[in-house]
Amino acid sequence: MKAKNIQKVNEVIYVLRNFIDLSSELLPYLAELKFSKNLTKEDVKDQERIIEVFKNYQFDKKISYLIIHSTILDIIEKSFNYLVDGKHSKDSTKKQLLEFRKEHYKLKINWNLIDSN
């Protein structure tokens, strides 16, 4: 692989990792907001901003499997949909978020190994 192509792949990995790490912070916070009974105006703004972030992301979900050998983008999308569609209970939402957390944890272990080399 040419150096130029390696650089592009590294950039994609960097962007993916940042989005996945961001999701690990935003999805649980969104769940907390969704199931909170007393939202402040600031909480409502936060909720709207988080929803906007996920609605506007433009990844091809196949990329995560091809580049990092994970279906994490599918899991993020599914977790987000669980949170915004309003059809799921708090318990089923927690289970979906747990699936995301488990996959994220596996990836973090792999990334830490790679980064330590």
N, C-alpha and C. Protein backbone atom coordinates (compact mmCIF):
# COMPACT_ATOMS: atom_id res chain seq x y z
N MET A 1 0.84 -1.16 0.00
CA MET A 1 0.00 0.00 0.00
C MET A 1 0.90 1.24 0.00
N LYS A 2 0.53 2.20 -0.80
CA LYS A 2 1.30 3.44 -0.90
C LYS A 2 1.14 4.27 0.37
N ALA A 3 2.15 5.08 0.64
CA ALA A 3 2.14 5.91 1.85
C ALA A 3 0.93 6.83 1.89
N LYS A 4 0.54 7.35 0.73
CA LYS A 4 -0.62 8.24 0.64
C LYS A 4 -1.89 7.51 1.09
N ASN A 5 -2.03 6.26 0.65
CA ASN A 5 -3.21 5.47 1.02
C ASN A 5 -3.19 5.09 2.49
N ILE A 6 -2.01 4.80 3.01
CA ILE A 6 -1.89 4.48 4.44
C ILE A 6 -2.30 5.69 5.27
N GLN A 7 -1.89 6.87 4.85
CA GLN A 7 -2.27 8.09 5.56
C GLN A 7 -3.78 8.27 5.56
N LYS A 8 -4.44 8.01 4.44
CA LYS A 8 -5.90 8.14 4.36
C LYS A 8 -6.59 7.15 5.28
N VAL A 9 -6.10 5.91 5.30
CA VAL A 9 -6.68 4.89 6.18
C VAL A 9 -6.50 5.31 7.64
N ASN A 10 -5.32 5.82 7.98
CA ASN A 10 -5.07 6.28 9.35
C ASN A 10 -6.00 7.42 9.73
N GLU A 11 -6.27 8.32 8.79
CA GLU A 11 -7.21 9.42 9.05
C GLU A 11 -8.61 8.90 9.30
N VAL A 12 -9.04 7.92 8.52
CA VAL A 12 -10.37 7.32 8.70
C VAL A 12 -10.45 6.66 10.08
N ILE A 13 -9.43 5.93 10.44
CA ILE A 13 -9.40 5.27 11.75
C ILE A 13 -9.47 6.31 12.87
N TYR A 14 -8.72 7.38 12.73
CA TYR A 14 -8.72 8.45 13.72
C TYR A 14 -10.13 9.05 13.89
N VAL A 15 -10.79 9.35 12.79
CA VAL A 15 -12.13 9.93 12.83
C VAL A 15 -13.12 8.93 13.44
N LEU A 16 -13.02 7.67 13.04
CA LEU A 16 -13.90 6.63 13.60
C LEU A 16 -13.71 6.51 15.11
N ARG A 17 -12.47 6.43 15.53
CA ARG A 17 -12.19 6.30 16.97
C ARG A 17 -12.76 7.48 17.75
N ASN A 18 -12.59 8.67 17.23
CA ASN A 18 -13.13 9.85 17.92
C ASN A 18 -14.65 9.82 17.99
N PHE A 19 -15.29 9.42 16.89
CA PHE A 19 -16.75 9.34 16.89
C PHE A 19 -17.23 8.27 17.86
N ILE A 20 -16.57 7.14 17.87
CA ILE A 20 -16.95 6.05 18.77
C ILE A 20 -16.76 6.46 20.22
N ASP A 21 -15.63 7.10 20.53
CA ASP A 21 -15.40 7.57 21.89
C ASP A 21 -16.41 8.64 22.29
N LEU A 22 -16.72 9.53 21.37
CA LEU A 22 -17.74 10.55 21.63
C LEU A 22 -19.09 9.88 21.91
N SER A 23 -19.41 8.88 21.14
CA SER A 23 -20.67 8.15 21.33
C SER A 23 -20.73 7.49 22.70
N SER A 24 -19.57 7.05 23.19
CA SER A 24 -19.55 6.39 24.50
C SER A 24 -19.88 7.38 25.63
N GLU A 25 -19.73 8.66 25.36
CA GLU A 25 -20.11 9.69 26.33
C GLU A 25 -21.54 10.17 26.09
N LEU A 26 -21.88 10.37 24.83
CA LEU A 26 -23.18 10.98 24.51
C LEU A 26 -24.37 10.03 24.66
N LEU A 27 -24.22 8.79 24.25
CA LEU A 27 -25.37 7.87 24.32
C LEU A 27 -25.85 7.64 25.76
N PRO A 28 -24.95 7.36 26.71
CA PRO A 28 -25.43 7.21 28.09
C PRO A 28 -26.06 8.50 28.65
N TYR A 29 -25.48 9.64 28.27
CA TYR A 29 -26.04 10.91 28.72
C TYR A 29 -27.43 11.13 28.11
N LEU A 30 -27.58 10.79 26.85
CA LEU A 30 -28.89 10.90 26.20
C LEU A 30 -29.91 9.99 26.88
N ALA A 31 -29.49 8.79 27.27
CA ALA A 31 -30.38 7.87 27.98
C ALA A 31 -30.80 8.47 29.33
N GLU A 32 -29.83 9.04 30.01
CA GLU A 32 -30.12 9.68 31.29
C GLU A 32 -31.15 10.80 31.11
N LEU A 33 -30.97 11.60 30.08
CA LEU A 33 -31.91 12.68 29.81
C LEU A 33 -33.28 12.15 29.43
N LYS A 34 -33.29 11.11 28.61
CA LYS A 34 -34.56 10.57 28.12
C LYS A 34 -35.42 10.07 29.27
N PHE A 35 -34.81 9.45 30.25
CA PHE A 35 -35.58 8.85 31.33
C PHE A 35 -35.67 9.74 32.57
N SER A 36 -35.17 10.95 32.46
CA SER A 36 -35.27 11.91 33.55
C SER A 36 -36.66 12.53 33.54
N LYS A 37 -37.20 12.73 34.72
CA LYS A 37 -38.55 13.28 34.81
C LYS A 37 -38.57 14.81 34.79
N ASN A 38 -37.53 15.41 35.29
CA ASN A 38 -37.50 16.87 35.39
C ASN A 38 -36.32 17.43 34.61
N LEU A 39 -36.54 17.73 33.33
CA LEU A 39 -35.48 18.30 32.51
C LEU A 39 -35.49 19.82 32.62
N THR A 40 -34.32 20.38 32.77
CA THR A 40 -34.19 21.83 32.75
C THR A 40 -34.13 22.27 31.28
N LYS A 41 -34.16 23.56 31.07
CA LYS A 41 -34.03 24.09 29.70
C LYS A 41 -32.69 23.68 29.10
N GLU A 42 -31.65 23.71 29.93
CA GLU A 42 -30.31 23.31 29.48
C GLU A 42 -30.27 21.83 29.11
N ASP A 43 -30.97 21.00 29.88
CA ASP A 43 -31.06 19.57 29.58
C ASP A 43 -31.74 19.33 28.23
N VAL A 44 -32.79 20.06 27.98
CA VAL A 44 -33.51 19.94 26.71
C VAL A 44 -32.61 20.35 25.56
N LYS A 45 -31.85 21.44 25.76
CA LYS A 45 -30.90 21.87 24.72
C LYS A 45 -29.84 20.80 24.47
N ASP A 46 -29.30 20.24 25.57
CA ASP A 46 -28.31 19.17 25.44
C ASP A 46 -28.88 18.00 24.65
N GLN A 47 -30.09 17.62 24.99
CA GLN A 47 -30.75 16.50 24.32
C GLN A 47 -30.89 16.78 22.83
N GLU A 48 -31.33 17.97 22.49
CA GLU A 48 -31.49 18.34 21.08
C GLU A 48 -30.15 18.32 20.34
N ARG A 49 -29.11 18.83 20.98
CA ARG A 49 -27.78 18.86 20.36
C ARG A 49 -27.25 17.45 20.12
N ILE A 50 -27.43 16.58 21.10
CA ILE A 50 -26.97 15.20 20.95
C ILE A 50 -27.71 14.51 19.82
N ILE A 51 -29.00 14.69 19.77
CA ILE A 51 -29.80 14.08 18.69
C ILE A 51 -29.33 14.60 17.34
N GLU A 52 -29.04 15.87 17.27
CA GLU A 52 -28.55 16.48 16.03
C GLU A 52 -27.22 15.86 15.59
N VAL A 53 -26.32 15.63 16.54
CA VAL A 53 -25.03 15.01 16.22
C VAL A 53 -25.24 13.66 15.54
N PHE A 54 -26.07 12.83 16.13
CA PHE A 54 -26.26 11.49 15.58
C PHE A 54 -27.07 11.47 14.30
N LYS A 55 -28.00 12.39 14.17
CA LYS A 55 -28.78 12.45 12.93
C LYS A 55 -27.93 12.90 11.75
N ASN A 56 -26.89 13.67 12.04
CA ASN A 56 -26.06 14.23 10.97
C ASN A 56 -24.79 13.44 10.66
N TYR A 57 -24.50 12.39 11.40
CA TYR A 57 -23.27 11.68 11.07
C TYR A 57 -23.44 10.92 9.77
N GLN A 58 -22.37 10.85 9.00
CA GLN A 58 -22.44 10.35 7.62
C GLN A 58 -21.47 9.20 7.35
N PHE A 59 -21.39 8.23 8.24
CA PHE A 59 -20.51 7.10 8.01
C PHE A 59 -21.23 6.00 7.26
N ASP A 60 -20.51 5.35 6.37
CA ASP A 60 -21.00 4.11 5.80
C ASP A 60 -20.70 3.05 6.84
N LYS A 61 -21.72 2.39 7.33
CA LYS A 61 -21.54 1.44 8.44
C LYS A 61 -20.61 0.28 8.08
N LYS A 62 -20.45 0.01 6.81
CA LYS A 62 -19.54 -1.06 6.39
C LYS A 62 -18.09 -0.71 6.71
N ILE A 63 -17.80 0.58 6.79
CA ILE A 63 -16.43 1.02 7.05
C ILE A 63 -15.91 0.47 8.37
N SER A 64 -16.78 0.50 9.39
CA SER A 64 -16.29 0.04 10.69
C SER A 64 -15.93 -1.44 10.65
N TYR A 65 -16.65 -2.21 9.87
CA TYR A 65 -16.30 -3.62 9.76
C TYR A 65 -15.03 -3.81 8.92
N LEU A 66 -14.94 -3.10 7.82
CA LEU A 66 -13.78 -3.24 6.95
C LEU A 66 -12.48 -2.72 7.57
N ILE A 67 -12.57 -1.61 8.28
CA ILE A 67 -11.36 -0.96 8.78
C ILE A 67 -10.99 -1.44 10.19
N ILE A 68 -11.98 -1.56 11.07
CA ILE A 68 -11.65 -1.94 12.45
C ILE A 68 -12.27 -3.28 12.86
N HIS A 69 -12.83 -3.98 11.90
CA HIS A 69 -13.38 -5.32 12.12
C HIS A 69 -14.41 -5.35 13.26
N SER A 70 -15.33 -4.42 13.19
CA SER A 70 -16.35 -4.28 14.22
C SER A 70 -17.63 -3.75 13.59
N THR A 71 -18.75 -4.14 14.16
CA THR A 71 -20.04 -3.61 13.72
C THR A 71 -20.48 -2.45 14.62
N ILE A 72 -19.53 -1.77 15.21
CA ILE A 72 -19.82 -0.73 16.20
C ILE A 72 -20.71 0.38 15.64
N LEU A 73 -20.56 0.75 14.40
CA LEU A 73 -21.42 1.81 13.85
C LEU A 73 -22.87 1.35 13.76
N ASP A 74 -23.09 0.09 13.44
CA ASP A 74 -24.45 -0.46 13.47
C ASP A 74 -25.01 -0.40 14.88
N ILE A 75 -24.18 -0.77 15.84
CA ILE A 75 -24.61 -0.79 17.24
C ILE A 75 -24.91 0.63 17.73
N ILE A 76 -24.10 1.58 17.34
CA ILE A 76 -24.35 2.98 17.71
C ILE A 76 -25.68 3.44 17.13
N GLU A 77 -25.89 3.16 15.86
CA GLU A 77 -27.15 3.57 15.23
C GLU A 77 -28.35 2.92 15.91
N LYS A 78 -28.23 1.65 16.20
CA LYS A 78 -29.34 0.94 16.86
C LYS A 78 -29.58 1.51 18.25
N SER A 79 -28.51 1.79 18.99
CA SER A 79 -28.65 2.36 20.33
C SER A 79 -29.31 3.74 20.27
N PHE A 80 -28.87 4.55 19.33
CA PHE A 80 -29.46 5.87 19.16
C PHE A 80 -30.95 5.75 18.83
N ASN A 81 -31.30 4.87 17.91
CA ASN A 81 -32.70 4.69 17.54
C ASN A 81 -33.54 4.23 18.73
N TYR A 82 -32.96 3.36 19.55
CA TYR A 82 -33.65 2.93 20.77
C TYR A 82 -33.99 4.14 21.64
N LEU A 83 -33.07 5.07 21.70
CA LEU A 83 -33.25 6.22 22.57
C LEU A 83 -34.24 7.24 22.04
N VAL A 84 -34.31 7.40 20.75
CA VAL A 84 -35.15 8.48 20.21
C VAL A 84 -36.53 8.03 19.76
N ASP A 85 -36.73 6.75 19.52
CA ASP A 85 -38.04 6.36 19.00
C ASP A 85 -39.12 6.27 20.07
N GLY A 86 -38.73 6.21 21.34
CA GLY A 86 -39.71 6.24 22.42
C GLY A 86 -40.52 4.98 22.61
N LYS A 87 -40.19 3.91 21.91
CA LYS A 87 -40.95 2.67 21.97
C LYS A 87 -40.38 1.66 22.97
N HIS A 88 -39.22 1.98 23.52
CA HIS A 88 -38.52 1.00 24.34
C HIS A 88 -38.48 1.42 25.80
N SER A 89 -38.54 0.42 26.66
CA SER A 89 -38.49 0.67 28.09
C SER A 89 -37.08 1.05 28.52
N LYS A 90 -36.97 1.51 29.74
CA LYS A 90 -35.67 1.85 30.29
C LYS A 90 -34.77 0.61 30.35
N ASP A 91 -35.34 -0.54 30.72
CA ASP A 91 -34.55 -1.77 30.81
C ASP A 91 -34.05 -2.24 29.45
N SER A 92 -34.90 -2.21 28.44
CA SER A 92 -34.45 -2.66 27.12
C SER A 92 -33.43 -1.69 26.54
N THR A 93 -33.58 -0.42 26.85
CA THR A 93 -32.60 0.58 26.40
C THR A 93 -31.26 0.34 27.08
N LYS A 94 -31.28 0.02 28.36
CA LYS A 94 -30.04 -0.28 29.08
C LYS A 94 -29.34 -1.49 28.47
N LYS A 95 -30.11 -2.50 28.09
CA LYS A 95 -29.53 -3.69 27.46
C LYS A 95 -28.87 -3.34 26.13
N GLN A 96 -29.53 -2.48 25.36
CA GLN A 96 -28.95 -2.07 24.09
C GLN A 96 -27.68 -1.27 24.31
N LEU A 97 -27.68 -0.38 25.28
CA LEU A 97 -26.48 0.39 25.59
C LEU A 97 -25.36 -0.50 26.11
N LEU A 98 -25.73 -1.56 26.81
CA LEU A 98 -24.73 -2.51 27.29
C LEU A 98 -24.03 -3.20 26.12
N GLU A 99 -24.80 -3.52 25.08
CA GLU A 99 -24.19 -4.10 23.87
C GLU A 99 -23.16 -3.14 23.28
N PHE A 100 -23.51 -1.87 23.23
CA PHE A 100 -22.58 -0.86 22.74
C PHE A 100 -21.35 -0.77 23.64
N ARG A 101 -21.56 -0.72 24.95
CA ARG A 101 -20.43 -0.60 25.88
C ARG A 101 -19.47 -1.79 25.77
N LYS A 102 -20.02 -2.98 25.60
CA LYS A 102 -19.18 -4.17 25.47
C LYS A 102 -18.31 -4.09 24.22
N GLU A 103 -18.91 -3.70 23.11
CA GLU A 103 -18.15 -3.59 21.86
C GLU A 103 -17.12 -2.47 21.95
N HIS A 104 -17.50 -1.37 22.56
CA HIS A 104 -16.57 -0.26 22.73
C HIS A 104 -15.40 -0.69 23.61
N TYR A 105 -15.67 -1.42 24.66
CA TYR A 105 -14.62 -1.91 25.55
C TYR A 105 -13.62 -2.79 24.80
N LYS A 106 -14.14 -3.70 23.97
CA LYS A 106 -13.26 -4.56 23.17
C LYS A 106 -12.37 -3.72 22.26
N LEU A 107 -12.95 -2.73 21.62
CA LEU A 107 -12.18 -1.87 20.73
C LEU A 107 -11.13 -1.08 21.51
N LYS A 108 -11.49 -0.57 22.67
CA LYS A 108 -10.53 0.20 23.47
C LYS A 108 -9.33 -0.67 23.85
N ILE A 109 -9.58 -1.92 24.19
CA ILE A 109 -8.48 -2.83 24.52
C ILE A 109 -7.56 -2.98 23.31
N ASN A 110 -8.16 -3.21 22.15
CA ASN A 110 -7.36 -3.35 20.92
C ASN A 110 -6.59 -2.06 20.61
N TRP A 111 -7.24 -0.92 20.75
CA TRP A 111 -6.59 0.35 20.46
C TRP A 111 -5.44 0.60 21.42
N ASN A 112 -5.63 0.26 22.67
CA ASN A 112 -4.56 0.45 23.65
C ASN A 112 -3.36 -0.43 23.32
N LEU A 113 -3.61 -1.65 22.86
CA LEU A 113 -2.51 -2.52 22.45
C LEU A 113 -1.78 -1.94 21.25
N ILE A 114 -2.53 -1.47 20.30
CA ILE A 114 -1.93 -0.88 19.09
C ILE A 114 -1.13 0.37 19.45
N ASP A 115 -1.72 1.21 20.29
CA ASP A 115 -1.05 2.46 20.69
C ASP A 115 0.22 2.21 21.49
N SER A 116 0.27 1.11 22.21
CA SER A 116 1.45 0.82 23.02
C SER A 116 2.61 0.29 22.20
N ASN A 117 2.34 -0.10 20.96
CA ASN A 117 3.43 -0.61 20.10
C ASN A 117 4.15 0.49 19.43
